[in-house]
Structures are given as structure tokens and as C-alpha cells.
Amino acid sequence: MASFVCRLKERRLAAGLTQEELADRVGVRRETIGRLEAGRYNPSLRLAWDIARAVEAPIEDIFLLDERRSDMDQVREYHFVRREDLAHAAAGEAVRELPFGRIEETRRGPRFYFTNRFRSPETMLDFARAHPHLALCNERGEECDPETVAGEVRGMKIGFSGAGSRTGSAQGVSYSDLSEWER
């Protein structure tokens, strides 16, 4: 989700409204308005629209996309690619990939999300050793050392991301058919 800069407080005060009055006009609790003004809550499009109408200001003057990268933009992903496809992957071309997982940099520190096939750094290392014709790559298509990636992931908080990675070429295979990766 994108980060927002919220200028609601100045627009609300310019309209001569208290938090309670604005909350009543748009059908939310006063606490919601307080959380919006403190930047701790991203409104739905409907709520943003209702607030803009209530304070008589353009929506884009109240809620602005933060110029800094959002938490979800700060993601590093790893996937396996056939070595013969490395040049294509590095050139940004869509290639078949088998996702390993992703690291998300959050305010609370990095978290690693494994895909269903790889439940730990050790299973990834075992897979890499058993499949030398595959290379472990990052989201830019650059080859990465599996031992280095495993070392980076060890000790991080972990989660499971489901069937595939969030971004990449979107050409990854399902985990039920790994036969094409055998060679």
C-alpha cells in the first residue's frame, strides 16, 4: 500500500470544523479522523472523497502520495532461473522462474516470506545443490550465491507467501509441476 502525506488537519481547521464535527459529517468516529491526521491510517477512496467534500477542498490537496518509497516497494525477491536464461533475465526480459521468496524491509525490520516449496534456507540450499543447472537470481535478474542468501535470511522473522512471488516476470510455474525444472 502506498504511503500518504495527509494535510487533513490544516484543511479541517480552515473549514472551521472540529474532529468530532468532521467525523459526524462523514460517518466515522472522531478517533478515525485523529488517526488520519496523525498519518496512522490510509482512508478508503470513499472516505477520502467524503472528507474532501466536507472540507471543500480537492482530494489531491488533502491526501498526497509520499515521495519516499513505501514499505512494499522495498522488496528484494529471489527465484530460480535456468542458467541458459540468465542473460535474458538480466536484460529484464520475462523468463520462466521458480520463486524462492522475498525480503520485505519494514519499519520493524526485515521479514522473509518463503514460497510454499521452500520452507527454510536449508531446503533452498538443498534444492540449489540438487539442481546445478538452475541459478538463484534476485528481482533484477542478477545471479546470487545461494549460501549468501541463506545466510541473509537466517535469523529473520519469517512468513509464508503462498504460491509465488509478488513481482518478477509473473511467468513462474505452479508448485504442483516441478518436472520441467529437473532439466
N, C-alpha and C. Protein backbone atom coordinates (compact mmCIF):
# COMPACT_ATOMS: atom_id res chain seq x y z
N MET A 1 0.85 -1.17 0.00
CA MET A 1 0.00 0.00 0.00
C MET A 1 0.90 1.23 0.00
N ALA A 2 0.56 2.23 -0.76
CA ALA A 2 1.36 3.44 -0.85
C ALA A 2 1.26 4.25 0.44
N SER A 3 2.34 4.98 0.76
CA SER A 3 2.34 5.87 1.91
C SER A 3 1.71 7.19 1.51
N PHE A 4 1.04 7.81 2.46
CA PHE A 4 0.37 9.07 2.19
C PHE A 4 0.89 10.17 3.09
N VAL A 5 0.88 11.38 2.57
CA VAL A 5 1.05 12.58 3.37
C VAL A 5 -0.36 13.12 3.51
N CYS A 6 -0.79 13.36 4.74
CA CYS A 6 -2.16 13.81 4.98
C CYS A 6 -2.15 15.25 5.47
N ARG A 7 -2.82 16.11 4.74
CA ARG A 7 -2.96 17.52 5.12
C ARG A 7 -4.36 17.81 5.64
N LEU A 8 -4.97 16.82 6.22
CA LEU A 8 -6.35 16.96 6.66
C LEU A 8 -6.50 18.01 7.76
N LYS A 9 -5.60 18.00 8.73
CA LYS A 9 -5.77 18.90 9.87
C LYS A 9 -5.85 20.36 9.41
N GLU A 10 -4.94 20.78 8.54
CA GLU A 10 -4.97 22.18 8.09
C GLU A 10 -6.23 22.48 7.28
N ARG A 11 -6.70 21.52 6.49
CA ARG A 11 -7.93 21.73 5.70
C ARG A 11 -9.16 21.75 6.62
N ARG A 12 -9.14 20.89 7.63
CA ARG A 12 -10.27 20.85 8.58
C ARG A 12 -10.35 22.16 9.36
N LEU A 13 -9.20 22.64 9.84
CA LEU A 13 -9.19 23.89 10.60
C LEU A 13 -9.60 25.07 9.72
N ALA A 14 -9.16 25.07 8.46
CA ALA A 14 -9.54 26.14 7.53
C ALA A 14 -11.05 26.14 7.30
N ALA A 15 -11.67 24.95 7.37
CA ALA A 15 -13.12 24.85 7.20
C ALA A 15 -13.86 25.14 8.50
N GLY A 16 -13.12 25.38 9.59
CA GLY A 16 -13.74 25.71 10.87
C GLY A 16 -14.42 24.52 11.54
N LEU A 17 -13.90 23.32 11.31
CA LEU A 17 -14.51 22.12 11.89
C LEU A 17 -13.62 21.50 12.96
N THR A 18 -14.25 20.92 13.98
CA THR A 18 -13.51 20.11 14.94
C THR A 18 -13.42 18.69 14.38
N GLN A 19 -12.58 17.88 14.99
CA GLN A 19 -12.51 16.48 14.57
C GLN A 19 -13.86 15.80 14.72
N GLU A 20 -14.55 16.08 15.81
CA GLU A 20 -15.86 15.48 16.06
C GLU A 20 -16.87 15.88 14.99
N GLU A 21 -16.88 17.16 14.62
CA GLU A 21 -17.83 17.64 13.60
C GLU A 21 -17.55 17.01 12.24
N LEU A 22 -16.28 16.92 11.89
CA LEU A 22 -15.93 16.28 10.61
C LEU A 22 -16.30 14.81 10.63
N ALA A 23 -16.02 14.15 11.74
CA ALA A 23 -16.36 12.73 11.86
C ALA A 23 -17.86 12.52 11.68
N ASP A 24 -18.69 13.35 12.29
CA ASP A 24 -20.14 13.25 12.14
C ASP A 24 -20.57 13.44 10.69
N ARG A 25 -19.96 14.41 10.01
CA ARG A 25 -20.32 14.68 8.61
C ARG A 25 -20.00 13.52 7.67
N VAL A 26 -18.91 12.80 7.95
CA VAL A 26 -18.50 11.73 7.02
C VAL A 26 -18.85 10.34 7.54
N GLY A 27 -19.43 10.26 8.74
CA GLY A 27 -19.91 8.97 9.25
C GLY A 27 -18.85 8.05 9.81
N VAL A 28 -17.84 8.63 10.48
CA VAL A 28 -16.82 7.82 11.14
C VAL A 28 -16.67 8.30 12.58
N ARG A 29 -15.86 7.60 13.35
CA ARG A 29 -15.59 8.02 14.72
C ARG A 29 -14.53 9.12 14.73
N ARG A 30 -14.53 9.93 15.77
CA ARG A 30 -13.54 11.00 15.90
C ARG A 30 -12.12 10.44 15.90
N GLU A 31 -11.95 9.25 16.47
CA GLU A 31 -10.63 8.61 16.52
C GLU A 31 -10.08 8.35 15.11
N THR A 32 -10.97 8.04 14.19
CA THR A 32 -10.55 7.80 12.80
C THR A 32 -9.97 9.07 12.21
N ILE A 33 -10.60 10.20 12.47
CA ILE A 33 -10.09 11.48 11.97
C ILE A 33 -8.73 11.76 12.61
N GLY A 34 -8.61 11.51 13.89
CA GLY A 34 -7.33 11.70 14.58
C GLY A 34 -6.23 10.82 14.00
N ARG A 35 -6.55 9.57 13.71
CA ARG A 35 -5.56 8.65 13.12
C ARG A 35 -5.17 9.11 11.72
N LEU A 36 -6.13 9.61 10.96
CA LEU A 36 -5.82 10.14 9.62
C LEU A 36 -4.86 11.32 9.74
N GLU A 37 -5.17 12.26 10.61
CA GLU A 37 -4.35 13.45 10.76
C GLU A 37 -2.95 13.12 11.27
N ALA A 38 -2.83 12.06 12.05
CA ALA A 38 -1.52 11.64 12.57
C ALA A 38 -0.75 10.78 11.56
N GLY A 39 -1.38 10.47 10.43
CA GLY A 39 -0.72 9.65 9.42
C GLY A 39 -0.65 8.17 9.77
N ARG A 40 -1.54 7.71 10.64
CA ARG A 40 -1.56 6.31 11.05
C ARG A 40 -2.68 5.51 10.40
N TYR A 41 -3.33 6.10 9.40
CA TYR A 41 -4.45 5.41 8.76
C TYR A 41 -4.58 5.91 7.34
N ASN A 42 -4.65 4.99 6.38
CA ASN A 42 -4.90 5.34 4.99
C ASN A 42 -6.38 5.14 4.71
N PRO A 43 -7.07 6.18 4.27
CA PRO A 43 -8.52 6.07 4.09
C PRO A 43 -8.89 5.30 2.83
N SER A 44 -10.09 4.77 2.84
CA SER A 44 -10.64 4.19 1.61
C SER A 44 -10.89 5.35 0.65
N LEU A 45 -11.06 5.02 -0.62
CA LEU A 45 -11.34 6.06 -1.60
C LEU A 45 -12.64 6.77 -1.25
N ARG A 46 -13.64 6.02 -0.81
CA ARG A 46 -14.93 6.61 -0.45
C ARG A 46 -14.79 7.61 0.71
N LEU A 47 -14.04 7.21 1.74
CA LEU A 47 -13.86 8.10 2.89
C LEU A 47 -13.06 9.34 2.47
N ALA A 48 -12.03 9.17 1.68
CA ALA A 48 -11.25 10.32 1.22
C ALA A 48 -12.13 11.29 0.43
N TRP A 49 -12.98 10.74 -0.42
CA TRP A 49 -13.90 11.56 -1.21
C TRP A 49 -14.87 12.32 -0.31
N ASP A 50 -15.45 11.64 0.67
CA ASP A 50 -16.39 12.27 1.59
C ASP A 50 -15.72 13.38 2.41
N ILE A 51 -14.49 13.13 2.85
CA ILE A 51 -13.76 14.14 3.61
C ILE A 51 -13.48 15.37 2.75
N ALA A 52 -13.04 15.13 1.51
CA ALA A 52 -12.75 16.25 0.60
C ALA A 52 -13.99 17.11 0.40
N ARG A 53 -15.13 16.48 0.23
CA ARG A 53 -16.38 17.24 0.07
C ARG A 53 -16.73 18.00 1.35
N ALA A 54 -16.51 17.38 2.50
CA ALA A 54 -16.88 18.00 3.78
C ALA A 54 -16.02 19.23 4.09
N VAL A 55 -14.76 19.20 3.71
CA VAL A 55 -13.88 20.35 3.99
C VAL A 55 -13.75 21.27 2.78
N GLU A 56 -14.46 20.94 1.72
CA GLU A 56 -14.50 21.72 0.48
C GLU A 56 -13.10 22.00 -0.06
N ALA A 57 -12.35 20.91 -0.24
CA ALA A 57 -11.00 21.00 -0.81
C ALA A 57 -10.81 19.82 -1.76
N PRO A 58 -10.01 20.00 -2.80
CA PRO A 58 -9.75 18.88 -3.71
C PRO A 58 -9.07 17.73 -2.95
N ILE A 59 -9.46 16.52 -3.27
CA ILE A 59 -8.92 15.34 -2.60
C ILE A 59 -7.40 15.30 -2.69
N GLU A 60 -6.85 15.71 -3.85
CA GLU A 60 -5.40 15.65 -4.03
C GLU A 60 -4.66 16.72 -3.22
N ASP A 61 -5.38 17.70 -2.67
CA ASP A 61 -4.77 18.68 -1.77
C ASP A 61 -4.74 18.19 -0.32
N ILE A 62 -5.51 17.16 -0.04
CA ILE A 62 -5.59 16.61 1.32
C ILE A 62 -4.71 15.38 1.47
N PHE A 63 -4.80 14.47 0.51
CA PHE A 63 -4.06 13.21 0.57
C PHE A 63 -3.09 13.16 -0.60
N LEU A 64 -1.80 13.14 -0.27
CA LEU A 64 -0.76 13.11 -1.30
C LEU A 64 0.05 11.84 -1.14
N LEU A 65 0.47 11.26 -2.25
CA LEU A 65 1.37 10.12 -2.18
C LEU A 65 2.72 10.59 -1.66
N ASP A 66 3.25 9.88 -0.71
CA ASP A 66 4.55 10.19 -0.15
C ASP A 66 5.61 9.95 -1.22
N GLU A 67 6.54 10.85 -1.36
CA GLU A 67 7.59 10.72 -2.37
C GLU A 67 8.59 9.63 -2.01
N ARG A 68 8.67 9.32 -0.73
CA ARG A 68 9.58 8.24 -0.35
C ARG A 68 8.98 6.91 -0.76
N ARG A 69 9.81 5.89 -0.82
CA ARG A 69 9.31 4.57 -1.18
C ARG A 69 8.46 4.02 -0.05
N SER A 70 7.39 3.35 -0.40
CA SER A 70 6.55 2.72 0.61
C SER A 70 7.21 1.44 1.07
N ASP A 71 6.75 0.87 2.18
CA ASP A 71 7.31 -0.39 2.68
C ASP A 71 7.26 -1.48 1.64
N MET A 72 6.16 -1.57 0.90
CA MET A 72 6.02 -2.65 -0.07
C MET A 72 6.93 -2.46 -1.28
N ASP A 73 7.43 -1.24 -1.51
CA ASP A 73 8.36 -1.03 -2.61
C ASP A 73 9.76 -1.49 -2.24
N GLN A 74 10.02 -1.65 -0.97
CA GLN A 74 11.34 -2.03 -0.52
C GLN A 74 11.39 -3.55 -0.35
N VAL A 75 11.31 -4.22 -1.49
CA VAL A 75 11.24 -5.68 -1.50
C VAL A 75 12.38 -6.23 -2.34
N ARG A 76 13.03 -7.25 -1.80
CA ARG A 76 14.02 -7.99 -2.57
C ARG A 76 13.46 -9.39 -2.77
N GLU A 77 13.48 -9.87 -3.99
CA GLU A 77 12.92 -11.19 -4.30
C GLU A 77 13.98 -12.11 -4.85
N TYR A 78 13.78 -13.39 -4.60
CA TYR A 78 14.70 -14.41 -5.10
C TYR A 78 13.92 -15.51 -5.78
N HIS A 79 14.44 -15.96 -6.91
CA HIS A 79 13.81 -17.05 -7.65
C HIS A 79 14.88 -17.79 -8.44
N PHE A 80 14.55 -19.02 -8.81
CA PHE A 80 15.45 -19.83 -9.63
C PHE A 80 15.12 -19.63 -11.10
N VAL A 81 16.18 -19.59 -11.91
CA VAL A 81 16.07 -19.44 -13.36
C VAL A 81 17.06 -20.42 -13.97
N ARG A 82 16.73 -20.97 -15.12
CA ARG A 82 17.70 -21.80 -15.83
C ARG A 82 18.93 -20.96 -16.17
N ARG A 83 20.09 -21.52 -15.98
CA ARG A 83 21.33 -20.79 -16.27
C ARG A 83 21.35 -20.29 -17.72
N GLU A 84 20.79 -21.07 -18.62
CA GLU A 84 20.76 -20.67 -20.03
C GLU A 84 19.90 -19.42 -20.26
N ASP A 85 19.03 -19.09 -19.29
CA ASP A 85 18.17 -17.91 -19.41
C ASP A 85 18.68 -16.70 -18.63
N LEU A 86 19.86 -16.81 -17.99
CA LEU A 86 20.37 -15.73 -17.16
C LEU A 86 20.52 -14.41 -17.91
N ALA A 87 21.06 -14.45 -19.11
CA ALA A 87 21.26 -13.22 -19.89
C ALA A 87 19.92 -12.55 -20.17
N HIS A 88 18.90 -13.34 -20.48
CA HIS A 88 17.57 -12.77 -20.74
C HIS A 88 16.99 -12.15 -19.47
N ALA A 89 17.15 -12.84 -18.33
CA ALA A 89 16.63 -12.33 -17.06
C ALA A 89 17.33 -11.02 -16.69
N ALA A 90 18.66 -10.97 -16.85
CA ALA A 90 19.41 -9.77 -16.51
C ALA A 90 19.03 -8.60 -17.42
N ALA A 91 18.60 -8.89 -18.63
CA ALA A 91 18.16 -7.84 -19.57
C ALA A 91 16.73 -7.39 -19.29
N GLY A 92 16.10 -7.98 -18.27
CA GLY A 92 14.75 -7.57 -17.91
C GLY A 92 13.66 -8.27 -18.71
N GLU A 93 14.04 -9.27 -19.49
CA GLU A 93 13.06 -10.00 -20.28
C GLU A 93 12.33 -11.01 -19.38
N ALA A 94 11.11 -11.30 -19.72
CA ALA A 94 10.33 -12.28 -18.97
C ALA A 94 10.89 -13.67 -19.26
N VAL A 95 11.23 -14.37 -18.22
CA VAL A 95 11.71 -15.75 -18.34
C VAL A 95 10.95 -16.60 -17.34
N ARG A 96 10.97 -17.90 -17.54
CA ARG A 96 10.34 -18.81 -16.58
C ARG A 96 11.15 -18.76 -15.29
N GLU A 97 10.45 -18.66 -14.18
CA GLU A 97 11.13 -18.60 -12.89
C GLU A 97 10.39 -19.44 -11.86
N LEU A 98 11.14 -19.89 -10.89
CA LEU A 98 10.61 -20.66 -9.79
C LEU A 98 10.89 -19.86 -8.52
N PRO A 99 9.89 -19.19 -7.94
CA PRO A 99 10.12 -18.30 -6.80
C PRO A 99 10.61 -19.04 -5.56
N PHE A 100 11.56 -18.42 -4.86
CA PHE A 100 12.05 -18.91 -3.57
C PHE A 100 11.38 -18.10 -2.46
N GLY A 101 11.37 -16.78 -2.57
CA GLY A 101 10.74 -15.95 -1.55
C GLY A 101 11.14 -14.50 -1.71
N ARG A 102 10.76 -13.69 -0.71
CA ARG A 102 11.06 -12.27 -0.78
C ARG A 102 11.38 -11.72 0.61
N ILE A 103 12.19 -10.68 0.62
CA ILE A 103 12.50 -9.96 1.85
C ILE A 103 11.80 -8.61 1.75
N GLU A 104 11.01 -8.31 2.76
CA GLU A 104 10.35 -7.01 2.83
C GLU A 104 11.00 -6.21 3.95
N GLU A 105 11.45 -5.02 3.61
CA GLU A 105 12.02 -4.12 4.61
C GLU A 105 10.86 -3.33 5.21
N THR A 106 10.60 -3.54 6.48
CA THR A 106 9.50 -2.84 7.14
C THR A 106 10.05 -1.98 8.26
N ARG A 107 9.21 -1.16 8.85
CA ARG A 107 9.64 -0.32 9.96
C ARG A 107 10.12 -1.15 11.14
N ARG A 108 9.63 -2.36 11.25
CA ARG A 108 10.00 -3.25 12.35
C ARG A 108 11.20 -4.13 12.01
N GLY A 109 11.78 -3.91 10.86
CA GLY A 109 12.93 -4.70 10.45
C GLY A 109 12.58 -5.62 9.30
N PRO A 110 13.57 -6.31 8.75
CA PRO A 110 13.30 -7.17 7.60
C PRO A 110 12.54 -8.43 7.98
N ARG A 111 11.73 -8.88 7.05
CA ARG A 111 10.97 -10.13 7.23
C ARG A 111 11.09 -10.90 5.93
N PHE A 112 11.31 -12.22 6.05
CA PHE A 112 11.43 -13.05 4.86
C PHE A 112 10.18 -13.89 4.70
N TYR A 113 9.64 -13.90 3.47
CA TYR A 113 8.46 -14.69 3.15
C TYR A 113 8.87 -15.80 2.19
N PHE A 114 8.81 -17.04 2.65
CA PHE A 114 9.11 -18.19 1.81
C PHE A 114 7.91 -18.52 0.94
N THR A 115 8.17 -19.10 -0.22
CA THR A 115 7.08 -19.66 -1.01
C THR A 115 6.81 -21.07 -0.47
N ASN A 116 5.71 -21.66 -0.89
CA ASN A 116 5.30 -22.96 -0.35
C ASN A 116 6.35 -24.06 -0.53
N ARG A 117 7.08 -24.04 -1.63
CA ARG A 117 8.05 -25.09 -1.91
C ARG A 117 9.23 -25.05 -0.95
N PHE A 118 9.67 -23.87 -0.58
CA PHE A 118 10.87 -23.69 0.22
C PHE A 118 10.50 -23.15 1.59
N ARG A 119 10.58 -24.02 2.58
CA ARG A 119 10.13 -23.65 3.92
C ARG A 119 11.26 -23.16 4.83
N SER A 120 12.49 -23.17 4.31
CA SER A 120 13.63 -22.72 5.11
C SER A 120 14.82 -22.46 4.19
N PRO A 121 15.84 -21.76 4.69
CA PRO A 121 17.03 -21.58 3.87
C PRO A 121 17.69 -22.91 3.51
N GLU A 122 17.57 -23.87 4.40
CA GLU A 122 18.20 -25.18 4.15
C GLU A 122 17.52 -25.91 2.99
N THR A 123 16.18 -25.84 2.90
CA THR A 123 15.53 -26.51 1.76
C THR A 123 15.89 -25.84 0.45
N MET A 124 16.09 -24.52 0.48
CA MET A 124 16.53 -23.81 -0.72
C MET A 124 17.94 -24.25 -1.10
N LEU A 125 18.83 -24.36 -0.11
CA LEU A 125 20.20 -24.79 -0.39
C LEU A 125 20.23 -26.21 -0.94
N ASP A 126 19.45 -27.11 -0.35
CA ASP A 126 19.37 -28.48 -0.85
C ASP A 126 18.89 -28.50 -2.30
N PHE A 127 17.89 -27.70 -2.60
CA PHE A 127 17.36 -27.63 -3.96
C PHE A 127 18.42 -27.09 -4.92
N ALA A 128 19.13 -26.02 -4.51
CA ALA A 128 20.17 -25.43 -5.36
C ALA A 128 21.28 -26.44 -5.64
N ARG A 129 21.68 -27.19 -4.63
CA ARG A 129 22.74 -28.20 -4.82
C ARG A 129 22.27 -29.33 -5.73
N ALA A 130 21.00 -29.72 -5.64
CA ALA A 130 20.47 -30.82 -6.46
C ALA A 130 20.16 -30.38 -7.89
N HIS A 131 20.14 -29.08 -8.14
CA HIS A 131 19.79 -28.56 -9.46
C HIS A 131 20.83 -27.53 -9.92
N PRO A 132 22.05 -27.97 -10.21
CA PRO A 132 23.10 -27.03 -10.60
C PRO A 132 22.83 -26.31 -11.92
N HIS A 133 21.88 -26.80 -12.70
CA HIS A 133 21.54 -26.13 -13.96
C HIS A 133 20.65 -24.91 -13.73
N LEU A 134 20.26 -24.68 -12.45
CA LEU A 134 19.44 -23.51 -12.11
C LEU A 134 20.28 -22.52 -11.32
N ALA A 135 20.01 -21.24 -11.51
CA ALA A 135 20.70 -20.17 -10.79
C ALA A 135 19.69 -19.46 -9.91
N LEU A 136 20.11 -19.06 -8.73
CA LEU A 136 19.28 -18.26 -7.84
C LEU A 136 19.50 -16.80 -8.22
N CYS A 137 18.42 -16.10 -8.57
CA CYS A 137 18.51 -14.71 -9.02
C CYS A 137 17.68 -13.80 -8.12
N ASN A 138 18.02 -12.52 -8.16
CA ASN A 138 17.21 -11.53 -7.46
C ASN A 138 16.19 -10.93 -8.42
N GLU A 139 15.45 -9.92 -7.95
CA GLU A 139 14.37 -9.33 -8.75
C GLU A 139 14.88 -8.62 -10.00
N ARG A 140 16.17 -8.31 -10.05
CA ARG A 140 16.76 -7.66 -11.23
C ARG A 140 17.35 -8.66 -12.21
N GLY A 141 17.21 -9.96 -11.92
CA GLY A 141 17.74 -10.99 -12.81
C GLY A 141 19.22 -11.25 -12.62
N GLU A 142 19.79 -10.74 -11.53
CA GLU A 142 21.21 -10.94 -11.24
C GLU A 142 21.39 -12.22 -10.44
N GLU A 143 22.41 -12.99 -10.81
CA GLU A 143 22.66 -14.25 -10.10
C GLU A 143 23.18 -13.96 -8.70
N CYS A 144 22.68 -14.72 -7.72
CA CYS A 144 23.06 -14.57 -6.32
C CYS A 144 23.62 -15.89 -5.82
N ASP A 145 24.54 -15.81 -4.88
CA ASP A 145 25.09 -17.01 -4.26
C ASP A 145 24.07 -17.56 -3.26
N PRO A 146 23.63 -18.80 -3.43
CA PRO A 146 22.62 -19.37 -2.51
C PRO A 146 23.07 -19.36 -1.05
N GLU A 147 24.36 -19.61 -0.79
CA GLU A 147 24.86 -19.61 0.59
C GLU A 147 24.73 -18.21 1.21
N THR A 148 25.02 -17.19 0.42
CA THR A 148 24.92 -15.81 0.90
C THR A 148 23.46 -15.45 1.20
N VAL A 149 22.56 -15.82 0.30
CA VAL A 149 21.14 -15.53 0.50
C VAL A 149 20.63 -16.28 1.73
N ALA A 150 21.01 -17.55 1.87
CA ALA A 150 20.58 -18.33 3.04
C ALA A 150 21.08 -17.69 4.32
N GLY A 151 22.33 -17.21 4.32
CA GLY A 151 22.88 -16.54 5.49
C GLY A 151 22.13 -15.26 5.82
N GLU A 152 21.72 -14.54 4.79
CA GLU A 152 20.97 -13.30 4.99
C GLU A 152 19.60 -13.58 5.60
N VAL A 153 18.98 -14.66 5.17
CA VAL A 153 17.62 -15.00 5.60
C VAL A 153 17.59 -15.58 7.01
N ARG A 154 18.64 -16.33 7.37
CA ARG A 154 18.66 -16.95 8.70
C ARG A 154 18.53 -15.88 9.79
N GLY A 155 17.68 -16.12 10.73
CA GLY A 155 17.50 -15.21 11.84
C GLY A 155 16.45 -14.13 11.62
N MET A 156 15.96 -14.00 10.39
CA MET A 156 14.90 -13.03 10.13
C MET A 156 13.57 -13.60 10.59
N LYS A 157 12.64 -12.72 10.90
CA LYS A 157 11.27 -13.18 11.12
C LYS A 157 10.79 -13.72 9.78
N ILE A 158 10.02 -14.80 9.82
CA ILE A 158 9.60 -15.41 8.56
C ILE A 158 8.09 -15.52 8.47
N GLY A 159 7.64 -15.68 7.26
CA GLY A 159 6.24 -15.92 6.96
C GLY A 159 6.20 -16.74 5.69
N PHE A 160 5.01 -17.11 5.27
CA PHE A 160 4.87 -17.88 4.04
C PHE A 160 4.02 -17.07 3.08
N SER A 161 4.51 -16.94 1.83
CA SER A 161 3.87 -16.04 0.88
C SER A 161 2.90 -16.72 -0.06
N GLY A 162 2.71 -17.99 0.05
CA GLY A 162 1.75 -18.65 -0.85
C GLY A 162 2.43 -19.21 -2.08
N ALA A 163 1.72 -19.19 -3.19
CA ALA A 163 2.16 -19.91 -4.38
C ALA A 163 3.26 -19.24 -5.17
N GLY A 164 3.49 -17.97 -5.00
CA GLY A 164 4.51 -17.34 -5.83
C GLY A 164 4.97 -16.02 -5.29
N SER A 165 5.86 -15.40 -5.99
CA SER A 165 6.38 -14.12 -5.54
C SER A 165 5.46 -12.99 -5.97
N ARG A 166 5.60 -11.87 -5.32
CA ARG A 166 4.70 -10.73 -5.53
C ARG A 166 4.95 -10.07 -6.88
N THR A 167 6.20 -9.97 -7.29
CA THR A 167 6.51 -9.35 -8.57
C THR A 167 7.41 -10.27 -9.36
N GLY A 168 8.19 -9.72 -10.25
CA GLY A 168 9.04 -10.54 -11.10
C GLY A 168 8.41 -10.64 -12.46
N SER A 169 8.75 -11.66 -13.19
CA SER A 169 8.26 -11.77 -14.56
C SER A 169 6.82 -12.26 -14.64
N ALA A 170 6.30 -12.76 -13.52
CA ALA A 170 4.93 -13.31 -13.48
C ALA A 170 4.80 -14.52 -14.39
N GLN A 171 5.90 -15.19 -14.65
CA GLN A 171 5.90 -16.36 -15.51
C GLN A 171 6.22 -17.64 -14.72
N GLY A 172 6.23 -17.56 -13.38
CA GLY A 172 6.60 -18.70 -12.55
C GLY A 172 5.64 -19.87 -12.72
N VAL A 173 6.15 -21.09 -12.54
CA VAL A 173 5.31 -22.27 -12.69
C VAL A 173 4.65 -22.59 -11.36
N SER A 174 3.60 -23.37 -11.43
CA SER A 174 2.94 -23.79 -10.20
C SER A 174 3.81 -24.84 -9.52
N TYR A 175 3.64 -24.97 -8.21
CA TYR A 175 4.46 -25.90 -7.45
C TYR A 175 4.05 -27.34 -7.66
N SER A 176 2.90 -27.57 -8.24
CA SER A 176 2.46 -28.94 -8.47
C SER A 176 3.17 -29.57 -9.67
N ASP A 177 3.82 -28.77 -10.52
CA ASP A 177 4.51 -29.30 -11.69
C ASP A 177 5.95 -28.83 -11.69
N LEU A 178 6.80 -29.52 -10.94
CA LEU A 178 8.21 -29.18 -10.90
C LEU A 178 9.04 -29.98 -11.90
N SER A 179 8.40 -30.87 -12.63
CA SER A 179 9.16 -31.74 -13.54
C SER A 179 9.96 -30.96 -14.58
N GLU A 180 9.45 -29.83 -15.04
CA GLU A 180 10.17 -29.08 -16.06
C GLU A 180 11.44 -28.45 -15.51
N TRP A 181 11.59 -28.37 -14.18
CA TRP A 181 12.78 -27.78 -13.59
C TRP A 181 13.88 -28.81 -13.36
N GLU A 182 13.55 -30.09 -13.54
CA GLU A 182 14.55 -31.14 -13.32
C GLU A 182 15.67 -31.08 -14.35
N ARG A 183 15.38 -30.62 -15.53
CA ARG A 183 16.39 -30.38 -16.59
C ARG A 183 15.76 -29.89 -17.83
